[in-house]
Amino acid sequence: MPALTKILQNKLIPWTQQNPAKRFIITQSRMRPIDLPNGVELVKRKITEKRIIVKNQRLYNNSRHVTAYYPKSNLVEVQKYKLMCVLGGAIDYPISDYSIKCDANHFIFVPPGLPCCDGSQSYVDSEKSTFCNVLFFLLHPNAIQYWITRWPPEKRPQTENALVLDQRVISLFHTLMEEVFVHDAALPLAQEGLLVAFLSLLQREVNSGRIVYVQNDNPDAVLLRHLNPEESSDFKTRLERYIKANISKPLFIEEAAREMFLSRAQFTRTVRQETGMSFNEFLNAFRIEEAKVLLRDSQWTISAISSFIGLTSASYFRTFFRKHTGQTPSEFRDSTIV
């Protein structure tokens, strides 16, 4: 049984019945003690070292989208939403120019790009506790990754690193995070409702065994240990969802592999098995179908359609479309007019 099952049943879901918004810690680049829940301490600790940018962000093993780091401060910038649930003990957790001190039963919301602890150092608040247990959720485009960290380190700090792939759970979590960071409209009841719904659907997925475990050996490597038949059959759907969400951007095998939580070799092999095509062939076919829909059902210009499907120019789009269909975009559009 996954450890998350007991955590949801015995802690997180019961906590949501006790005005959880009063224990929300919403982090940002500038924070004030007055904005934090009672009992939470905010300690100023300004970052003084130089910010180091990660140059090759397309490598699949940079799975958490680390874009910059501060090696002396043990901080990283991750371009994804993160939620931390303090399960036990007390933490002294560095975020940006601060350190947040709190005990169990707190939810810490972290926006994309805010420097936070890289997990390499213990963040137990030694003044209040000898240990801490923290559950992390990280929002990827096509999955929610969660892992449970336990300190002190001699007791194997990180355990149960897994992915949730259900789109409804992902959408709920994304909506929750966006709602929390709308600072000009405090809606605690809406935030609490979204948290309850997210945890409830998450519990269903975990109880049904619809999670995928990932390797823990490298803290930045997220490679699938296995794909069961159900998840394998859904690979094409998840790949299509990823391409559709990013179709206007340049798409590369390394980036796609990372978003699908596979090495390049695993990704290339799985794409061929599930679609009968290479990644580039599948991507081109997807772009052609999107272009056909827009040519048939919209009044968009050729240039606009070209940009939308991620091609560099209208002239290249004409060449690309004719190569794959035998017609120019204008000829195809004219042929669909009744």
C-alpha atoms as a PDB file:
ATOM      1  CA  MET A   1       0.000   0.000   0.000  1.00  0.00           C
ATOM      2  CA  PRO A   2       1.435   3.429  -0.926  1.00  0.00           C
ATOM      3  CA  ALA A   3       2.387   5.575   2.050  1.00  0.00           C
ATOM      4  CA  LEU A   4       0.310   8.371   0.513  1.00  0.00           C
ATOM      5  CA  THR A   5      -2.854   6.335   1.156  1.00  0.00           C
ATOM      6  CA  LYS A   6      -2.482   6.551   4.941  1.00  0.00           C
ATOM      7  CA  ILE A   7      -1.333  10.163   4.761  1.00  0.00           C
ATOM      8  CA  LEU A   8      -4.468  11.157   2.864  1.00  0.00           C
ATOM      9  CA  GLN A   9      -6.776   9.163   5.121  1.00  0.00           C
ATOM     10  CA  ASN A  10      -5.249  10.052   8.479  1.00  0.00           C
ATOM     11  CA  LYS A  11      -3.883  13.551   7.932  1.00  0.00           C
ATOM     12  CA  LEU A  12      -4.518  15.591   4.815  1.00  0.00           C
ATOM     13  CA  ILE A  13      -8.224  14.954   4.258  1.00  0.00           C
ATOM     14  CA  PRO A  14      -9.109  15.337   8.000  1.00  0.00           C
ATOM     15  CA  TRP A  15      -7.068  18.559   8.046  1.00  0.00           C
ATOM     16  CA  THR A  16      -9.217  20.009   5.256  1.00  0.00           C
ATOM     17  CA  GLN A  17     -12.209  19.852   7.621  1.00  0.00           C
ATOM     18  CA  GLN A  18     -10.518  22.281  10.040  1.00  0.00           C
ATOM     19  CA  ASN A  19     -10.396  25.598   8.109  1.00  0.00           C
ATOM     20  CA  PRO A  20      -7.223  24.698   6.207  1.00  0.00           C
ATOM     21  CA  ALA A  21      -6.890  28.180   4.625  1.00  0.00           C
ATOM     22  CA  LYS A  22      -5.888  29.448   8.066  1.00  0.00           C
ATOM     23  CA  ARG A  23      -2.779  27.279   7.723  1.00  0.00           C
ATOM     24  CA  PHE A  24      -1.940  28.257   4.138  1.00  0.00           C
ATOM     25  CA  ILE A  25       1.527  29.756   3.755  1.00  0.00           C
ATOM     26  CA  ILE A  26       1.603  31.550   0.403  1.00  0.00           C
ATOM     27  CA  THR A  27       5.179  32.338  -0.534  1.00  0.00           C
ATOM     28  CA  GLN A  28       6.360  35.168  -2.761  1.00  0.00           C
ATOM     29  CA  SER A  29       9.458  37.278  -3.374  1.00  0.00           C
ATOM     30  CA  ARG A  30       8.414  39.764  -0.683  1.00  0.00           C
ATOM     31  CA  MET A  31       6.771  38.437   2.450  1.00  0.00           C
ATOM     32  CA  ARG A  32       5.567  39.906   5.741  1.00  0.00           C
ATOM     33  CA  PRO A  33       5.034  38.135   9.069  1.00  0.00           C
ATOM     34  CA  ILE A  34       1.565  39.708   9.293  1.00  0.00           C
ATOM     35  CA  ASP A  35       0.474  37.742   6.200  1.00  0.00           C
ATOM     36  CA  LEU A  36       1.392  34.365   7.695  1.00  0.00           C
ATOM     37  CA  PRO A  37      -0.720  32.038   9.880  1.00  0.00           C
ATOM     38  CA  ASN A  38      -0.421  32.220  13.644  1.00  0.00           C
ATOM     39  CA  GLY A  39       2.610  30.395  14.974  1.00  0.00           C
ATOM     40  CA  VAL A  40       4.591  30.627  11.719  1.00  0.00           C
ATOM     41  CA  GLU A  41       7.915  32.447  11.979  1.00  0.00           C
ATOM     42  CA  LEU A  42       9.546  34.326   9.105  1.00  0.00           C
ATOM     43  CA  VAL A  43      13.306  34.833   9.309  1.00  0.00           C
ATOM     44  CA  LYS A  44      15.138  37.173   6.935  1.00  0.00           C
ATOM     45  CA  ARG A  45      18.179  35.583   5.254  1.00  0.00           C
ATOM     46  CA  LYS A  46      19.082  37.448   2.081  1.00  0.00           C
ATOM     47  CA  ILE A  47      20.721  35.624  -0.823  1.00  0.00           C
ATOM     48  CA  THR A  48      24.126  37.219  -1.413  1.00  0.00           C
ATOM     49  CA  GLU A  49      25.755  34.832  -3.868  1.00  0.00           C
ATOM     50  CA  LYS A  50      25.612  34.982  -7.638  1.00  0.00           C
ATOM     51  CA  ARG A  51      22.699  33.347  -9.415  1.00  0.00           C
ATOM     52  CA  ILE A  52      23.915  30.592 -11.778  1.00  0.00           C
ATOM     53  CA  ILE A  53      21.711  29.932 -14.792  1.00  0.00           C
ATOM     54  CA  VAL A  54      21.217  26.373 -16.020  1.00  0.00           C
ATOM     55  CA  LYS A  55      22.161  26.626 -19.679  1.00  0.00           C
ATOM     56  CA  ASN A  56      20.991  23.314 -21.110  1.00  0.00           C
ATOM     57  CA  GLN A  57      17.436  23.147 -19.766  1.00  0.00           C
ATOM     58  CA  ARG A  58      16.338  20.695 -22.473  1.00  0.00           C
ATOM     59  CA  LEU A  59      18.150  17.704 -20.963  1.00  0.00           C
ATOM     60  CA  TYR A  60      15.540  15.116 -19.957  1.00  0.00           C
ATOM     61  CA  ASN A  61      17.213  14.502 -16.606  1.00  0.00           C
ATOM     62  CA  ASN A  62      16.510  18.116 -15.574  1.00  0.00           C
ATOM     63  CA  SER A  63      13.010  16.852 -14.868  1.00  0.00           C
ATOM     64  CA  ARG A  64      12.033  19.491 -12.352  1.00  0.00           C
ATOM     65  CA  HIS A  65      12.812  22.354 -14.741  1.00  0.00           C
ATOM     66  CA  VAL A  66      15.575  23.855 -12.643  1.00  0.00           C
ATOM     67  CA  THR A  67      16.457  27.103 -14.430  1.00  0.00           C
ATOM     68  CA  ALA A  68      18.961  28.540 -11.920  1.00  0.00           C
ATOM     69  CA  TYR A  69      20.661  27.643  -8.675  1.00  0.00           C
ATOM     70  CA  TYR A  70      22.604  29.084  -5.750  1.00  0.00           C
ATOM     71  CA  PRO A  71      25.115  26.380  -4.697  1.00  0.00           C
ATOM     72  CA  LYS A  72      26.280  27.906  -1.412  1.00  0.00           C
ATOM     73  CA  SER A  73      22.728  28.581  -0.259  1.00  0.00           C
ATOM     74  CA  ASN A  74      21.434  25.194  -1.527  1.00  0.00           C
ATOM     75  CA  LEU A  75      18.637  26.916  -3.420  1.00  0.00           C
ATOM     76  CA  VAL A  76      17.183  26.268  -6.876  1.00  0.00           C
ATOM     77  CA  GLU A  77      14.654  28.004  -9.098  1.00  0.00           C
ATOM     78  CA  VAL A  78      12.040  25.676 -10.558  1.00  0.00           C
ATOM     79  CA  GLN A  79       9.568  26.901 -13.171  1.00  0.00           C
ATOM     80  CA  LYS A  80       6.690  24.854 -11.803  1.00  0.00           C
ATOM     81  CA  TYR A  81       4.101  25.140  -9.058  1.00  0.00           C
ATOM     82  CA  LYS A  82       4.989  23.322  -5.851  1.00  0.00           C
ATOM     83  CA  LEU A  83       2.889  22.488  -2.803  1.00  0.00           C
ATOM     84  CA  MET A  84       4.464  21.329   0.468  1.00  0.00           C
ATOM     85  CA  CYS A  85       2.455  19.637   3.212  1.00  0.00           C
ATOM     86  CA  VAL A  86       4.240  19.498   6.575  1.00  0.00           C
ATOM     87  CA  LEU A  87       3.192  16.118   7.969  1.00  0.00           C
ATOM     88  CA  GLY A  88       5.186  15.928  11.194  1.00  0.00           C
ATOM     89  CA  GLY A  89       7.908  17.574  13.238  1.00  0.00           C
ATOM     90  CA  ALA A  90       8.966  21.158  12.562  1.00  0.00           C
ATOM     91  CA  ILE A  91      10.756  22.712   9.595  1.00  0.00           C
ATOM     92  CA  ASP A  92      13.099  25.608   8.993  1.00  0.00           C
ATOM     93  CA  TYR A  93      12.715  25.857   5.234  1.00  0.00           C
ATOM     94  CA  PRO A  94      14.654  28.384   3.096  1.00  0.00           C
ATOM     95  CA  ILE A  95      12.649  30.133   0.368  1.00  0.00           C
ATOM     96  CA  SER A  96      14.076  33.122  -1.513  1.00  0.00           C
ATOM     97  CA  ASP A  97      15.384  35.704   0.999  1.00  0.00           C
ATOM     98  CA  TYR A  98      13.600  34.090   3.927  1.00  0.00           C
ATOM     99  CA  SER A  99      13.385  31.016   6.067  1.00  0.00           C
ATOM    100  CA  ILE A 100       9.946  29.735   7.042  1.00  0.00           C
ATOM    101  CA  LYS A 101       9.600  28.041  10.406  1.00  0.00           C
ATOM    102  CA  CYS A 102       6.448  26.061  11.075  1.00  0.00           C
ATOM    103  CA  ASP A 103       5.213  22.774  12.498  1.00  0.00           C
ATOM    104  CA  ALA A 104       2.878  20.102  11.142  1.00  0.00           C
ATOM    105  CA  ASN A 105      -0.535  20.757   9.624  1.00  0.00           C
ATOM    106  CA  HIS A 106       0.650  23.591   7.349  1.00  0.00           C
ATOM    107  CA  PHE A 107       0.398  23.886   3.561  1.00  0.00           C
ATOM    108  CA  ILE A 108       3.157  25.862   1.820  1.00  0.00           C
ATOM    109  CA  PHE A 109       2.402  27.105  -1.702  1.00  0.00           C
ATOM    110  CA  VAL A 110       5.390  27.978  -3.895  1.00  0.00           C
ATOM    111  CA  PRO A 111       5.017  29.771  -7.274  1.00  0.00           C
ATOM    112  CA  PRO A 112       7.226  29.052 -10.307  1.00  0.00           C
ATOM    113  CA  GLY A 113      10.663  30.653 -10.255  1.00  0.00           C
ATOM    114  CA  LEU A 114      10.915  31.406  -6.539  1.00  0.00           C
ATOM    115  CA  PRO A 115      14.269  30.163  -5.124  1.00  0.00           C
ATOM    116  CA  CYS A 116      13.682  27.366  -2.647  1.00  0.00           C
ATOM    117  CA  CYS A 117      15.576  24.562  -0.901  1.00  0.00           C
ATOM    118  CA  ASP A 118      17.118  21.999  -3.257  1.00  0.00           C
ATOM    119  CA  GLY A 119      16.588  19.159  -0.763  1.00  0.00           C
ATOM    120  CA  SER A 120      20.265  18.372  -0.293  1.00  0.00           C
ATOM    121  CA  GLN A 121      20.393  19.723   3.262  1.00  0.00           C
ATOM    122  CA  SER A 122      18.266  18.969   6.298  1.00  0.00           C
ATOM    123  CA  TYR A 123      15.621  21.591   7.058  1.00  0.00           C
ATOM    124  CA  VAL A 124      14.555  20.279  10.457  1.00  0.00           C
ATOM    125  CA  ASP A 125      13.938  23.129  12.903  1.00  0.00           C
ATOM    126  CA  SER A 126      16.303  21.803  15.557  1.00  0.00           C
ATOM    127  CA  GLU A 127      15.009  24.269  18.151  1.00  0.00           C
ATOM    128  CA  LYS A 128      11.581  22.642  18.110  1.00  0.00           C
ATOM    129  CA  SER A 129      12.016  19.103  16.796  1.00  0.00           C
ATOM    130  CA  THR A 130      14.437  16.315  16.053  1.00  0.00           C
ATOM    131  CA  PHE A 131      12.752  15.335  12.759  1.00  0.00           C
ATOM    132  CA  CYS A 132      10.380  16.427  10.017  1.00  0.00           C
ATOM    133  CA  ASN A 133       8.197  14.698   7.422  1.00  0.00           C
ATOM    134  CA  VAL A 134       7.146  16.675   4.348  1.00  0.00           C
ATOM    135  CA  LEU A 135       5.007  15.711   1.362  1.00  0.00           C
ATOM    136  CA  PHE A 136       5.812  17.567  -1.877  1.00  0.00           C
ATOM    137  CA  PHE A 137       3.634  17.994  -4.966  1.00  0.00           C
ATOM    138  CA  LEU A 138       5.162  19.334  -8.187  1.00  0.00           C
ATOM    139  CA  LEU A 139       2.978  20.234 -11.167  1.00  0.00           C
ATOM    140  CA  HIS A 140       4.238  19.055 -14.566  1.00  0.00           C
ATOM    141  CA  PRO A 141       2.311  19.711 -17.809  1.00  0.00           C
ATOM    142  CA  ASN A 142       1.117  16.101 -17.993  1.00  0.00           C
ATOM    143  CA  ALA A 143       1.490  14.832 -14.447  1.00  0.00           C
ATOM    144  CA  ILE A 144       1.733  15.634 -10.771  1.00  0.00           C
ATOM    145  CA  GLN A 145       4.867  14.307  -9.154  1.00  0.00           C
ATOM    146  CA  TYR A 146       4.833  13.688  -5.429  1.00  0.00           C
ATOM    147  CA  TRP A 147       7.483  12.529  -3.025  1.00  0.00           C
ATOM    148  CA  ILE A 148       7.764  12.169   0.736  1.00  0.00           C
ATOM    149  CA  THR A 149      10.888  13.442   2.456  1.00  0.00           C
ATOM    150  CA  ARG A 150      11.861  12.386   5.945  1.00  0.00           C
ATOM    151  CA  TRP A 151      14.738  13.817   7.946  1.00  0.00           C
ATOM    152  CA  PRO A 152      17.185  13.131   9.586  1.00  0.00           C
ATOM    153  CA  PRO A 153      19.131  11.867   6.583  1.00  0.00           C
ATOM    154  CA  GLU A 154      20.401   8.666   8.174  1.00  0.00           C
ATOM    155  CA  LYS A 155      16.844   7.321   7.877  1.00  0.00           C
ATOM    156  CA  ARG A 156      16.811   7.544   4.074  1.00  0.00           C
ATOM    157  CA  PRO A 157      15.506  11.063   3.512  1.00  0.00           C
ATOM    158  CA  GLN A 158      13.403  10.567   0.370  1.00  0.00           C
ATOM    159  CA  THR A 159      10.825   7.818  -0.122  1.00  0.00           C
ATOM    160  CA  GLU A 160       7.857   7.056  -2.427  1.00  0.00           C
ATOM    161  CA  ASN A 161       8.543   9.197  -5.459  1.00  0.00           C
ATOM    162  CA  ALA A 162       5.650   8.775  -7.897  1.00  0.00           C
ATOM    163  CA  LEU A 163       3.512  10.342 -10.621  1.00  0.00           C
ATOM    164  CA  VAL A 164      -0.235  10.876 -10.909  1.00  0.00           C
ATOM    165  CA  LEU A 165      -1.304  11.018 -14.550  1.00  0.00           C
ATOM    166  CA  ASP A 166      -5.082  11.558 -14.359  1.00  0.00           C
ATOM    167  CA  GLN A 167      -5.952  14.760 -16.235  1.00  0.00           C
ATOM    168  CA  ARG A 168      -8.792  15.720 -13.886  1.00  0.00           C
ATOM    169  CA  VAL A 169      -6.507  15.594 -10.869  1.00  0.00           C
ATOM    170  CA  ILE A 170      -3.878  17.606 -12.750  1.00  0.00           C
ATOM    171  CA  SER A 171      -6.419  20.240 -13.814  1.00  0.00           C
ATOM    172  CA  LEU A 172      -7.774  20.601 -10.283  1.00  0.00           C
ATOM    173  CA  PHE A 173      -4.319  21.036  -8.832  1.00  0.00           C
ATOM    174  CA  HIS A 174      -3.440  23.627 -11.471  1.00  0.00           C
ATOM    175  CA  THR A 175      -6.634  25.562 -10.742  1.00  0.00           C
ATOM    176  CA  LEU A 176      -5.942  25.412  -6.999  1.00  0.00           C
ATOM    177  CA  MET A 177      -2.444  26.819  -7.437  1.00  0.00           C
ATOM    178  CA  GLU A 178      -3.619  29.591  -9.742  1.00  0.00           C
ATOM    179  CA  GLU A 179      -6.418  30.528  -7.338  1.00  0.00           C
ATOM    180  CA  VAL A 180      -4.047  30.680  -4.373  1.00  0.00           C
ATOM    181  CA  PHE A 181      -1.756  33.126  -6.154  1.00  0.00           C
ATOM    182  CA  VAL A 182      -4.485  35.597  -7.118  1.00  0.00           C
ATOM    183  CA  HIS A 183      -3.432  38.079  -4.455  1.00  0.00           C
ATOM    184  CA  ASP A 184      -5.974  40.768  -5.293  1.00  0.00           C
ATOM    185  CA  ALA A 185      -8.948  38.528  -4.531  1.00  0.00           C
ATOM    186  CA  ALA A 186      -8.704  36.466  -1.350  1.00  0.00           C
ATOM    187  CA  LEU A 187     -11.202  33.628  -1.662  1.00  0.00           C
ATOM    188  CA  PRO A 188     -10.387  31.158   1.109  1.00  0.00           C
ATOM    189  CA  LEU A 189     -13.598  29.166   0.666  1.00  0.00           C
ATOM    190  CA  ALA A 190     -12.848  28.614  -3.024  1.00  0.00           C
ATOM    191  CA  GLN A 191      -9.271  27.641  -2.223  1.00  0.00           C
ATOM    192  CA  GLU A 192     -10.388  25.223   0.477  1.00  0.00           C
ATOM    193  CA  GLY A 193     -12.977  23.697  -1.851  1.00  0.00           C
ATOM    194  CA  LEU A 194     -10.397  23.156  -4.566  1.00  0.00           C
ATOM    195  CA  LEU A 195      -7.981  21.595  -2.070  1.00  0.00           C
ATOM    196  CA  VAL A 196     -10.683  19.196  -0.831  1.00  0.00           C
ATOM    197  CA  ALA A 197     -11.608  18.216  -4.388  1.00  0.00           C
ATOM    198  CA  PHE A 198      -7.975  17.719  -5.381  1.00  0.00           C
ATOM    199  CA  LEU A 199      -7.174  15.519  -2.386  1.00  0.00           C
ATOM    200  CA  SER A 200     -10.360  13.492  -2.830  1.00  0.00           C
ATOM    201  CA  LEU A 201      -9.647  12.706  -6.478  1.00  0.00           C
ATOM    202  CA  LEU A 202      -6.013  12.068  -5.618  1.00  0.00           C
ATOM    203  CA  GLN A 203      -7.104   9.547  -2.992  1.00  0.00           C
ATOM    204  CA  ARG A 204      -9.188   7.730  -5.608  1.00  0.00           C
ATOM    205  CA  GLU A 205      -6.222   7.487  -7.983  1.00  0.00           C
ATOM    206  CA  VAL A 206      -3.846   6.276  -5.276  1.00  0.00           C
ATOM    207  CA  ASN A 207      -6.318   3.738  -3.876  1.00  0.00           C
ATOM    208  CA  SER A 208      -6.920   2.399  -7.394  1.00  0.00           C
ATOM    209  CA  GLY A 209      -3.203   1.942  -7.943  1.00  0.00           C
ATOM    210  CA  ARG A 210      -3.106   4.427 -10.821  1.00  0.00           C
ATOM    211  CA  ILE A 211       0.260   5.915  -9.948  1.00  0.00           C
ATOM    212  CA  VAL A 212       3.650   5.407 -11.568  1.00  0.00           C
ATOM    213  CA  TYR A 213       6.743   5.097  -9.401  1.00  0.00           C
ATOM    214  CA  VAL A 214       9.926   6.841 -10.488  1.00  0.00           C
ATOM    215  CA  GLN A 215      13.556   6.302  -9.604  1.00  0.00           C
ATOM    216  CA  ASN A 216      14.955   8.029  -6.530  1.00  0.00           C
ATOM    217  CA  ASP A 217      18.657   7.414  -7.119  1.00  0.00           C
ATOM    218  CA  ASN A 218      19.300  10.783  -8.748  1.00  0.00           C
ATOM    219  CA  PRO A 219      17.311  13.671  -7.216  1.00  0.00           C
ATOM    220  CA  ASP A 220      16.987  15.322 -10.648  1.00  0.00           C
ATOM    221  CA  ALA A 221      16.306  12.166 -12.677  1.00  0.00           C
ATOM    222  CA  VAL A 222      12.696  11.140 -13.161  1.00  0.00           C
ATOM    223  CA  LEU A 223      12.795   7.918 -15.180  1.00  0.00           C
ATOM    224  CA  LEU A 224       9.911   5.515 -15.158  1.00  0.00           C
ATOM    225  CA  ARG A 225      10.513   2.199 -13.433  1.00  0.00           C
ATOM    226  CA  HIS A 226       7.687   0.652 -15.362  1.00  0.00           C
ATOM    227  CA  LEU A 227       4.567   1.376 -17.333  1.00  0.00           C
ATOM    228  CA  ASN A 228       1.640  -0.914 -16.666  1.00  0.00           C
ATOM    229  CA  PRO A 229      -0.643  -1.758 -19.628  1.00  0.00           C
ATOM    230  CA  GLU A 230      -3.215   0.887 -18.711  1.00  0.00           C
ATOM    231  CA  GLU A 231      -0.634   3.659 -18.560  1.00  0.00           C
ATOM    232  CA  SER A 232       1.089   2.407 -21.707  1.00  0.00           C
ATOM    233  CA  SER A 233      -2.150   2.502 -23.681  1.00  0.00           C
ATOM    234  CA  ASP A 234      -2.667   6.086 -22.536  1.00  0.00           C
ATOM    235  CA  PHE A 235       0.792   7.172 -23.697  1.00  0.00           C
ATOM    236  CA  LYS A 236      -0.443   8.373 -27.088  1.00  0.00           C
ATOM    237  CA  THR A 237      -3.178  10.472 -25.471  1.00  0.00           C
ATOM    238  CA  ARG A 238      -0.695  12.092 -23.113  1.00  0.00           C
ATOM    239  CA  LEU A 239       1.726  12.737 -25.958  1.00  0.00           C
ATOM    240  CA  GLU A 240      -1.026  14.356 -28.036  1.00  0.00           C
ATOM    241  CA  ARG A 241      -1.993  16.509 -25.049  1.00  0.00           C
ATOM    242  CA  TYR A 242       1.602  17.637 -24.613  1.00  0.00           C
ATOM    243  CA  ILE A 243       2.007  18.497 -28.307  1.00  0.00           C
ATOM    244  CA  LYS A 244      -1.299  20.361 -28.429  1.00  0.00           C
ATOM    245  CA  ALA A 245      -0.374  22.445 -25.387  1.00  0.00           C
ATOM    246  CA  ASN A 246       2.996  23.359 -26.913  1.00  0.00           C
ATOM    247  CA  ILE A 247       2.318  23.249 -30.637  1.00  0.00           C
ATOM    248  CA  SER A 248       3.259  26.889 -31.207  1.00  0.00           C
ATOM    249  CA  LYS A 249       6.740  26.353 -29.748  1.00  0.00           C
ATOM    250  CA  PRO A 250       9.810  24.589 -31.124  1.00  0.00           C
ATOM    251  CA  LEU A 251       9.528  20.991 -29.895  1.00  0.00           C
ATOM    252  CA  PHE A 252      12.518  18.731 -29.335  1.00  0.00           C
ATOM    253  CA  ILE A 253      12.831  15.060 -28.489  1.00  0.00           C
ATOM    254  CA  GLU A 254      14.788  15.761 -25.282  1.00  0.00           C
ATOM    255  CA  GLU A 255      12.134  18.137 -23.974  1.00  0.00           C
ATOM    256  CA  ALA A 256       9.256  15.843 -24.914  1.00  0.00           C
ATOM    257  CA  ALA A 257      10.996  12.861 -23.302  1.00  0.00           C
ATOM    258  CA  ARG A 258      11.473  14.787 -20.084  1.00  0.00           C
ATOM    259  CA  GLU A 259       7.820  15.857 -19.988  1.00  0.00           C
ATOM    260  CA  MET A 260       6.783  12.234 -20.496  1.00  0.00           C
ATOM    261  CA  PHE A 261       9.202  11.120 -17.743  1.00  0.00           C
ATOM    262  CA  LEU A 262      11.334   8.914 -19.969  1.00  0.00           C
ATOM    263  CA  SER A 263      14.923   8.895 -21.140  1.00  0.00           C
ATOM    264  CA  ARG A 264      15.442   9.782 -24.796  1.00  0.00           C
ATOM    265  CA  ALA A 265      15.970   6.130 -25.700  1.00  0.00           C
ATOM    266  CA  GLN A 266      12.883   4.983 -23.767  1.00  0.00           C
ATOM    267  CA  PHE A 267      10.811   7.794 -25.251  1.00  0.00           C
ATOM    268  CA  THR A 268      11.903   7.088 -28.828  1.00  0.00           C
ATOM    269  CA  ARG A 269      11.141   3.388 -28.421  1.00  0.00           C
ATOM    270  CA  THR A 270       7.746   3.986 -26.778  1.00  0.00           C
ATOM    271  CA  VAL A 271       6.620   6.513 -29.394  1.00  0.00           C
ATOM    272  CA  ARG A 272       7.407   3.990 -32.130  1.00  0.00           C
ATOM    273  CA  GLN A 273       5.573   1.203 -30.274  1.00  0.00           C
ATOM    274  CA  GLU A 274       2.453   3.272 -29.494  1.00  0.00           C
ATOM    275  CA  THR A 275       2.090   5.289 -32.722  1.00  0.00           C
ATOM    276  CA  GLY A 276       4.000   3.361 -35.393  1.00  0.00           C
ATOM    277  CA  MET A 277       5.928   6.558 -36.150  1.00  0.00           C
ATOM    278  CA  SER A 278       8.998   8.411 -34.978  1.00  0.00           C
ATOM    279  CA  PHE A 279       8.469  11.460 -32.776  1.00  0.00           C
ATOM    280  CA  ASN A 280       9.114  13.880 -35.644  1.00  0.00           C
ATOM    281  CA  GLU A 281       6.764  11.965 -37.941  1.00  0.00           C
ATOM    282  CA  PHE A 282       4.051  11.988 -35.275  1.00  0.00           C
ATOM    283  CA  LEU A 283       4.631  15.699 -34.578  1.00  0.00           C
ATOM    284  CA  ASN A 284       4.434  16.578 -38.266  1.00  0.00           C
ATOM    285  CA  ALA A 285       1.241  14.535 -38.710  1.00  0.00           C
ATOM    286  CA  PHE A 286      -0.299  16.292 -35.710  1.00  0.00           C
ATOM    287  CA  ARG A 287       0.623  19.719 -37.126  1.00  0.00           C
ATOM    288  CA  ILE A 288      -0.874  18.831 -40.488  1.00  0.00           C
ATOM    289  CA  GLU A 289      -4.176  17.758 -38.881  1.00  0.00           C
ATOM    290  CA  GLU A 290      -4.332  20.953 -36.794  1.00  0.00           C
ATOM    291  CA  ALA A 291      -3.630  22.998 -39.921  1.00  0.00           C
ATOM    292  CA  LYS A 292      -6.406  21.210 -41.837  1.00  0.00           C
ATOM    293  CA  VAL A 293      -8.928  21.996 -39.107  1.00  0.00           C
ATOM    294  CA  LEU A 294      -7.979  25.680 -39.107  1.00  0.00           C
ATOM    295  CA  LEU A 295      -7.990  25.909 -42.898  1.00  0.00           C
ATOM    296  CA  ARG A 296     -11.405  24.269 -43.053  1.00  0.00           C
ATOM    297  CA  ASP A 297     -13.160  25.832 -40.060  1.00  0.00           C
ATOM    298  CA  SER A 298     -11.594  29.268 -39.601  1.00  0.00           C
ATOM    299  CA  GLN A 299     -10.808  32.427 -41.520  1.00  0.00           C
ATOM    300  CA  TRP A 300      -7.275  32.606 -40.167  1.00  0.00           C
ATOM    301  CA  THR A 301      -4.629  33.709 -42.624  1.00  0.00           C
ATOM    302  CA  ILE A 302      -1.950  31.303 -43.833  1.00  0.00           C
ATOM    303  CA  SER A 303       0.601  33.261 -41.806  1.00  0.00           C
ATOM    304  CA  ALA A 304      -1.471  32.991 -38.614  1.00  0.00           C
ATOM    305  CA  ILE A 305      -1.954  29.248 -39.035  1.00  0.00           C
ATOM    306  CA  SER A 306       1.756  28.825 -39.709  1.00  0.00           C
ATOM    307  CA  SER A 307       2.656  30.556 -36.438  1.00  0.00           C
ATOM    308  CA  PHE A 308       0.005  28.658 -34.497  1.00  0.00           C
ATOM    309  CA  ILE A 309       1.332  25.230 -35.470  1.00  0.00           C
ATOM    310  CA  GLY A 310       4.925  26.234 -34.723  1.00  0.00           C
ATOM    311  CA  LEU A 311       6.395  26.740 -38.201  1.00  0.00           C
ATOM    312  CA  THR A 312       8.853  29.515 -38.930  1.00  0.00           C
ATOM    313  CA  SER A 313       7.159  31.240 -41.861  1.00  0.00           C
ATOM    314  CA  ALA A 314       4.175  31.155 -44.191  1.00  0.00           C
ATOM    315  CA  SER A 315       6.404  30.142 -47.107  1.00  0.00           C
ATOM    316  CA  TYR A 316       7.807  27.192 -45.176  1.00  0.00           C
ATOM    317  CA  PHE A 317       4.272  26.239 -44.114  1.00  0.00           C
ATOM    318  CA  ARG A 318       3.204  26.092 -47.779  1.00  0.00           C
ATOM    319  CA  THR A 319       6.142  23.828 -48.635  1.00  0.00           C
ATOM    320  CA  PHE A 320       5.567  21.687 -45.522  1.00  0.00           C
ATOM    321  CA  PHE A 321       1.829  21.313 -46.138  1.00  0.00           C
ATOM    322  CA  ARG A 322       2.226  20.454 -49.820  1.00  0.00           C
ATOM    323  CA  LYS A 323       4.890  17.851 -49.057  1.00  0.00           C
ATOM    324  CA  HIS A 324       2.524  16.010 -46.685  1.00  0.00           C
ATOM    325  CA  THR A 325      -0.813  16.471 -48.473  1.00  0.00           C
ATOM    326  CA  GLY A 326      -0.056  17.079 -52.145  1.00  0.00           C
ATOM    327  CA  GLN A 327      -1.885  20.422 -51.980  1.00  0.00           C
ATOM    328  CA  THR A 328      -0.987  23.941 -50.965  1.00  0.00           C
ATOM    329  CA  PRO A 329      -2.887  25.352 -47.963  1.00  0.00           C
ATOM    330  CA  SER A 330      -4.945  27.564 -50.288  1.00  0.00           C
ATOM    331  CA  GLU A 331      -5.832  24.643 -52.553  1.00  0.00           C
ATOM    332  CA  PHE A 332      -6.922  22.583 -49.550  1.00  0.00           C
ATOM    333  CA  ARG A 333      -9.051  25.437 -48.196  1.00  0.00           C
ATOM    334  CA  ASP A 334     -10.718  25.969 -51.577  1.00  0.00           C
ATOM    335  CA  SER A 335     -11.460  22.237 -51.879  1.00  0.00           C
ATOM    336  CA  THR A 336     -13.359  22.245 -48.564  1.00  0.00           C
ATOM    337  CA  ILE A 337     -15.701  25.092 -49.514  1.00  0.00           C
ATOM    338  CA  VAL A 338     -19.170  23.734 -50.192  1.00  0.00           C
END
